[in-house]
């Protein structure tokens, strides 16, 4: 019965509708910033398209609690702003030094390093404005928890700590524990926050919140493993970013450490663990279950 329900779920339609809702909300989120070039730089990267996986995860987690996902839209936009900031900064010459993002020149290639940094900073701070000042109908108690979650993910315990460790490990031999530390903090933290913030806004029970943390931790690692695999097996045209850059930077990746076959097996195991965590809520968790499968099957 459960398998029949899952197979009948139209994930393609769900994803398209959710992505369109997110795009509309992102477009409306940036006001008349001055000077105009700052607004242009912010919009250039925020509205560059992409999978919008993180905000969609946020909306889906809110739906799972039984609440209207519109309640979580401001948080979903905030999460995409933090993600965009991390990409702008990650691409800088002093970081990962990339010229291509989502099929277009990276922000600093268009606007210069200084404005790219400031655009990222502006998006980061706007994210907290979105949650704290633009979330009508959500209690201040729930919003405070979301602000706390986002503060952790955007700072040293999350993205910043993972990025520093990533830079420190370039050109060095890295074991699996260190590699997973990097990705749990750099990639996994924001995916986890996406799910947790949506659940917090929806008032999830402790048992559901704990299950969603297990789910999110698993899909976060699986997402990065697939990223590492695609960096080796795909092209820049398909990925929309520079393929093979991890090899050029002499970074340790899952394929380098485990090989392609074992990396794929590890990702598959993590996705199964993620779906298993949501089994008690399976009927209402179809979007999240389908999103987990999407992560492992994507080609970009």
Protein backbone atom coordinates (compact mmCIF):
# COMPACT_ATOMS: atom_id res chain seq x y z
CA UNK A 1 0.00 0.00 0.00
CA UNK A 2 2.69 2.49 1.04
CA UNK A 3 4.76 1.76 -2.08
CA UNK A 4 1.71 2.31 -4.29
CA UNK A 5 1.05 5.68 -2.65
CA UNK A 6 4.68 6.73 -3.10
CA UNK A 7 4.78 5.64 -6.75
CA UNK A 8 1.58 7.56 -7.52
CA UNK A 9 2.97 10.83 -6.10
CA UNK A 10 3.66 13.26 -8.96
CA UNK A 11 7.02 14.56 -7.81
CA UNK A 12 7.81 16.34 -11.08
CA UNK A 13 4.67 18.47 -10.77
CA UNK A 14 5.30 19.09 -7.07
CA UNK A 15 8.87 20.18 -7.71
CA UNK A 16 7.91 22.51 -10.58
CA UNK A 17 5.15 24.17 -8.57
CA UNK A 18 7.32 24.58 -5.46
CA UNK A 19 10.23 25.96 -7.47
CA UNK A 20 7.97 28.51 -9.16
CA UNK A 21 6.61 29.65 -5.78
CA UNK A 22 10.16 30.07 -4.50
CA UNK A 23 11.26 32.02 -7.58
CA UNK A 24 8.36 34.46 -7.20
CA UNK A 25 9.15 34.96 -3.50
CA UNK A 26 12.86 35.47 -4.18
CA UNK A 27 12.13 38.08 -6.83
CA UNK A 28 9.91 39.98 -4.38
CA UNK A 29 12.43 39.81 -1.55
CA UNK A 30 14.87 42.45 -2.76
CA UNK A 31 13.73 46.05 -2.48
CA UNK A 32 15.25 49.30 -3.78
CA UNK A 33 18.71 48.88 -2.29
CA UNK A 34 21.09 51.77 -2.85
CA UNK A 35 23.38 52.10 -4.57
CA UNK A 36 21.79 50.38 -7.54
CA UNK A 37 24.91 48.31 -8.29
CA UNK A 38 24.56 46.57 -4.92
CA UNK A 39 20.99 45.58 -5.75
CA UNK A 40 22.09 44.36 -9.18
CA UNK A 41 24.86 42.23 -7.68
CA UNK A 42 22.50 40.73 -5.10
CA UNK A 43 19.85 39.95 -7.72
CA UNK A 44 22.41 38.60 -10.19
CA UNK A 45 23.27 35.66 -7.96
CA UNK A 46 20.02 35.24 -6.00
CA UNK A 47 17.90 35.02 -9.15
CA UNK A 48 20.35 32.91 -11.18
CA UNK A 49 18.13 29.86 -11.04
CA UNK A 50 19.29 26.51 -9.73
CA UNK A 51 17.52 23.57 -8.13
CA UNK A 52 16.15 25.60 -5.18
CA UNK A 53 16.41 22.38 -3.21
CA UNK A 54 16.99 24.05 0.17
CA UNK A 55 13.93 26.32 0.18
CA UNK A 56 11.79 23.49 -1.18
CA UNK A 57 12.97 21.25 1.65
CA UNK A 58 11.97 23.98 4.09
CA UNK A 59 8.47 24.21 2.61
CA UNK A 60 8.06 20.43 2.51
CA UNK A 61 9.10 20.06 6.17
CA UNK A 62 6.53 22.67 7.17
CA UNK A 63 3.86 20.82 5.18
CA UNK A 64 4.72 17.62 7.03
CA UNK A 65 3.71 19.26 10.33
CA UNK A 66 0.24 19.89 8.90
CA UNK A 67 0.68 23.65 8.59
CA UNK A 68 0.36 25.72 5.40
CA UNK A 69 3.81 25.96 3.78
CA UNK A 70 3.19 29.66 3.03
CA UNK A 71 4.07 30.21 6.69
CA UNK A 72 7.61 29.04 5.94
CA UNK A 73 8.18 30.96 2.71
CA UNK A 74 10.11 33.82 4.33
CA UNK A 75 12.38 31.29 6.04
CA UNK A 76 12.77 29.41 2.75
CA UNK A 77 13.84 32.65 1.04
CA UNK A 78 16.23 33.39 3.92
CA UNK A 79 17.85 29.99 3.52
CA UNK A 80 18.37 30.54 -0.20
CA UNK A 81 19.91 33.94 0.57
CA UNK A 82 22.39 32.33 2.95
CA UNK A 83 23.12 29.64 0.38
CA UNK A 84 23.67 32.27 -2.34
CA UNK A 85 25.99 34.23 -0.06
CA UNK A 86 28.03 31.09 0.53
CA UNK A 87 28.32 30.48 -3.23
CA UNK A 88 29.38 34.07 -3.96
CA UNK A 89 32.08 33.92 -1.29
CA UNK A 90 33.08 30.34 -2.15
CA UNK A 91 33.79 31.34 -5.76
CA UNK A 92 36.16 34.19 -4.84
CA UNK A 93 39.82 33.94 -5.92
CA UNK A 94 40.91 33.70 -2.28
CA UNK A 95 38.55 30.75 -1.71
CA UNK A 96 37.73 28.16 -4.39
CA UNK A 97 38.53 30.55 -7.26
CA UNK A 98 35.81 29.68 -9.75
CA UNK A 99 34.72 31.63 -12.83
CA UNK A 100 31.45 29.78 -13.52
CA UNK A 101 28.30 29.31 -11.43
CA UNK A 102 24.90 28.09 -12.66
CA UNK A 103 26.09 28.43 -16.24
CA UNK A 104 27.06 32.12 -15.89
CA UNK A 105 30.17 34.06 -14.85
CA UNK A 106 30.51 34.14 -11.08
CA UNK A 107 29.54 37.28 -9.22
CA UNK A 108 33.05 38.62 -8.76
CA UNK A 109 33.80 38.20 -12.47
CA UNK A 110 30.96 40.65 -13.22
CA UNK A 111 31.07 43.05 -10.28
CA UNK A 112 34.59 42.64 -8.86
CA UNK A 113 35.74 41.06 -5.63
CA UNK A 114 34.78 43.90 -3.29
CA UNK A 115 31.17 44.26 -4.46
CA UNK A 116 30.76 40.47 -4.59
CA UNK A 117 31.79 40.23 -0.93
CA UNK A 118 29.44 43.06 0.03
CA UNK A 119 26.56 41.57 -1.97
CA UNK A 120 27.06 38.31 -0.09
CA UNK A 121 27.13 40.18 3.22
CA UNK A 122 23.93 42.03 2.29
CA UNK A 123 22.16 38.77 1.43
CA UNK A 124 23.25 37.22 4.72
CA UNK A 125 21.85 40.05 6.79
CA UNK A 126 18.70 40.29 4.66
CA UNK A 127 18.09 36.62 5.49
CA UNK A 128 17.63 37.47 9.17
CA UNK A 129 15.36 40.36 8.23
CA UNK A 130 13.19 37.95 6.21
CA UNK A 131 12.71 35.67 9.20
CA UNK A 132 12.35 38.23 11.97
CA UNK A 133 10.40 40.98 10.21
CA UNK A 134 8.68 39.35 7.22
CA UNK A 135 7.07 36.21 8.64
CA UNK A 136 3.44 37.18 9.32
CA UNK A 137 1.36 34.65 11.21
CA UNK A 138 4.32 32.88 12.82
CA UNK A 139 4.76 33.18 16.58
CA UNK A 140 7.79 35.03 17.92
CA UNK A 141 8.75 31.93 19.88
CA UNK A 142 9.04 29.84 16.71
CA UNK A 143 10.83 32.62 14.84
CA UNK A 144 13.39 32.94 17.63
CA UNK A 145 14.21 29.25 17.27
CA UNK A 146 14.62 29.69 13.51
CA UNK A 147 16.91 32.69 13.98
CA UNK A 148 19.01 30.62 16.37
CA UNK A 149 19.20 27.73 13.89
CA UNK A 150 20.25 30.01 11.04
CA UNK A 151 22.82 31.78 13.22
CA UNK A 152 24.48 28.45 13.94
CA UNK A 153 24.45 27.27 10.35
CA UNK A 154 25.82 30.54 8.92
CA UNK A 155 28.66 30.91 11.42
CA UNK A 156 31.64 29.03 12.82
CA UNK A 157 29.61 25.97 13.88
CA UNK A 158 28.38 25.59 10.30
CA UNK A 159 29.34 27.04 6.93
CA UNK A 160 32.28 29.14 8.07
CA UNK A 161 33.88 26.35 10.08
CA UNK A 162 33.44 23.89 7.23
CA UNK A 163 34.91 26.31 4.71
CA UNK A 164 37.97 27.00 6.88
CA UNK A 165 38.62 23.29 7.34
CA UNK A 166 38.14 22.75 3.61
CA UNK A 167 40.74 25.40 2.77
CA UNK A 168 43.15 24.06 5.39
CA UNK A 169 42.97 20.57 3.90
CA UNK A 170 43.75 21.48 0.29
CA UNK A 171 46.77 19.54 -0.92
CA UNK A 172 46.83 17.35 2.22
CA UNK A 173 45.99 13.73 2.89
CA UNK A 174 42.56 13.70 4.54
CA UNK A 175 40.82 10.75 6.22
CA UNK A 176 37.10 9.96 5.98
CA UNK A 177 36.29 11.51 9.38
CA UNK A 178 37.81 14.85 8.37
CA UNK A 179 36.14 14.77 4.96
CA UNK A 180 32.75 14.15 6.57
CA UNK A 181 33.39 16.90 9.13
CA UNK A 182 33.91 19.34 6.26
CA UNK A 183 30.76 18.33 4.45
CA UNK A 184 28.55 18.03 7.52
CA UNK A 185 29.44 21.63 8.32
CA UNK A 186 29.79 23.10 4.84
CA UNK A 187 27.07 21.39 2.78
CA UNK A 188 25.09 19.38 5.31
CA UNK A 189 24.53 22.19 7.80
CA UNK A 190 22.43 24.28 5.45
CA UNK A 191 20.45 21.31 4.18
CA UNK A 192 19.76 20.34 7.80
CA UNK A 193 18.73 23.90 8.66
CA UNK A 194 16.37 23.95 5.68
CA UNK A 195 14.47 20.98 7.01
CA UNK A 196 14.64 21.94 10.67
CA UNK A 197 13.53 25.55 10.11
CA UNK A 198 10.48 24.45 8.15
CA UNK A 199 9.59 22.00 10.90
CA UNK A 200 10.10 24.61 13.64
CA UNK A 201 7.80 27.07 11.89
CA UNK A 202 5.18 24.34 11.63
CA UNK A 203 5.48 23.51 15.33
CA UNK A 204 6.80 19.97 14.87
CA UNK A 205 6.77 17.60 17.82
CA UNK A 206 10.09 16.56 19.34
CA UNK A 207 9.82 13.08 17.83
CA UNK A 208 9.23 14.45 14.34
CA UNK A 209 11.95 17.07 14.77
CA UNK A 210 14.46 14.39 15.80
CA UNK A 211 13.48 12.20 12.84
CA UNK A 212 13.87 15.15 10.47
CA UNK A 213 17.35 15.87 11.83
CA UNK A 214 18.35 12.27 11.07
CA UNK A 215 16.80 12.59 7.61
CA UNK A 216 18.53 15.91 6.92
CA UNK A 217 21.97 14.78 8.12
CA UNK A 218 21.76 11.76 5.82
CA UNK A 219 20.64 13.64 2.71
CA UNK A 220 23.26 16.33 3.39
CA UNK A 221 26.13 13.85 3.18
CA UNK A 222 24.53 12.04 0.25
CA UNK A 223 24.16 15.33 -1.61
CA UNK A 224 27.87 16.06 -1.25
CA UNK A 225 28.90 12.56 -2.29
CA UNK A 226 26.87 12.95 -5.49
CA UNK A 227 28.42 16.39 -6.00
CA UNK A 228 31.89 14.84 -5.73
CA UNK A 229 30.94 12.08 -8.18
CA UNK A 230 29.51 14.56 -10.70
CA UNK A 231 32.65 16.70 -10.44
CA UNK A 232 34.53 13.68 -11.82
CA UNK A 233 31.99 12.22 -14.24
CA UNK A 234 30.13 15.23 -15.68
CA UNK A 235 30.99 18.30 -17.76
CA UNK A 236 31.01 22.01 -17.02
CA UNK A 237 28.19 22.50 -19.55
CA UNK A 238 25.92 20.06 -17.72
CA UNK A 239 26.88 21.12 -14.19
CA UNK A 240 26.74 24.86 -14.87
CA UNK A 241 29.98 25.21 -12.91
CA UNK A 242 33.58 24.20 -13.49
CA UNK A 243 33.90 20.42 -13.58
CA UNK A 244 37.07 18.80 -12.22
CA UNK A 245 37.99 21.77 -10.03
CA UNK A 246 38.38 19.56 -6.93
CA UNK A 247 41.04 17.58 -8.77
CA UNK A 248 42.79 20.78 -9.84
CA UNK A 249 42.76 22.09 -6.26
CA UNK A 250 44.01 18.70 -5.01
CA UNK A 251 41.05 18.31 -2.67
CA UNK A 252 40.15 15.03 -1.04
CA UNK A 253 36.74 13.88 -2.26
CA UNK A 254 34.65 10.77 -1.73
CA UNK A 255 35.65 9.24 -5.10
CA UNK A 256 39.31 9.96 -4.38
CA UNK A 257 39.07 8.35 -0.95
CA UNK A 258 36.57 5.55 -1.59
CA UNK A 259 36.38 5.14 -5.37
CA UNK A 260 33.31 5.77 -7.51
CA UNK A 261 31.48 2.50 -6.81
CA UNK A 262 31.86 2.67 -3.05
CA UNK A 263 30.93 6.35 -3.08
CA UNK A 264 27.70 5.57 -4.94
CA UNK A 265 26.94 2.75 -2.51
CA UNK A 266 27.55 5.08 0.45
CA UNK A 267 25.20 7.70 -1.00
CA UNK A 268 22.51 5.09 -1.61
CA UNK A 269 22.82 3.79 1.95
CA UNK A 270 22.46 7.32 3.35
CA UNK A 271 19.33 7.97 1.28
CA UNK A 272 17.78 4.73 2.52
CA UNK A 273 18.58 5.77 6.10
CA UNK A 274 16.96 9.15 5.48
CA UNK A 275 13.76 7.60 4.17
CA UNK A 276 13.68 5.06 7.00
CA UNK A 277 13.75 7.91 9.55
CA UNK A 278 10.48 9.24 8.13
CA UNK A 279 8.71 5.89 7.89
CA UNK A 280 6.28 6.60 10.78
CA UNK A 281 5.10 9.67 8.84
CA UNK A 282 5.48 8.08 5.41
CA UNK A 283 2.04 8.94 4.02
CA UNK A 284 2.46 12.66 4.70
CA UNK A 285 6.21 12.76 3.97
CA UNK A 286 6.01 11.89 0.28
CA UNK A 287 7.62 15.17 -0.91
CA UNK A 288 10.58 14.71 1.45
CA UNK A 289 10.96 11.05 0.49
CA UNK A 290 10.86 11.96 -3.21
CA UNK A 291 13.38 14.77 -2.63
CA UNK A 292 15.75 12.23 -1.06
CA UNK A 293 15.50 10.04 -4.15
CA UNK A 294 15.99 13.10 -6.36
CA UNK A 295 19.26 13.91 -4.61
CA UNK A 296 20.80 10.57 -5.50
CA UNK A 297 19.49 10.48 -9.08
CA UNK A 298 20.34 14.05 -10.15
CA UNK A 299 22.82 14.72 -12.95
CA UNK A 300 23.82 18.29 -11.98
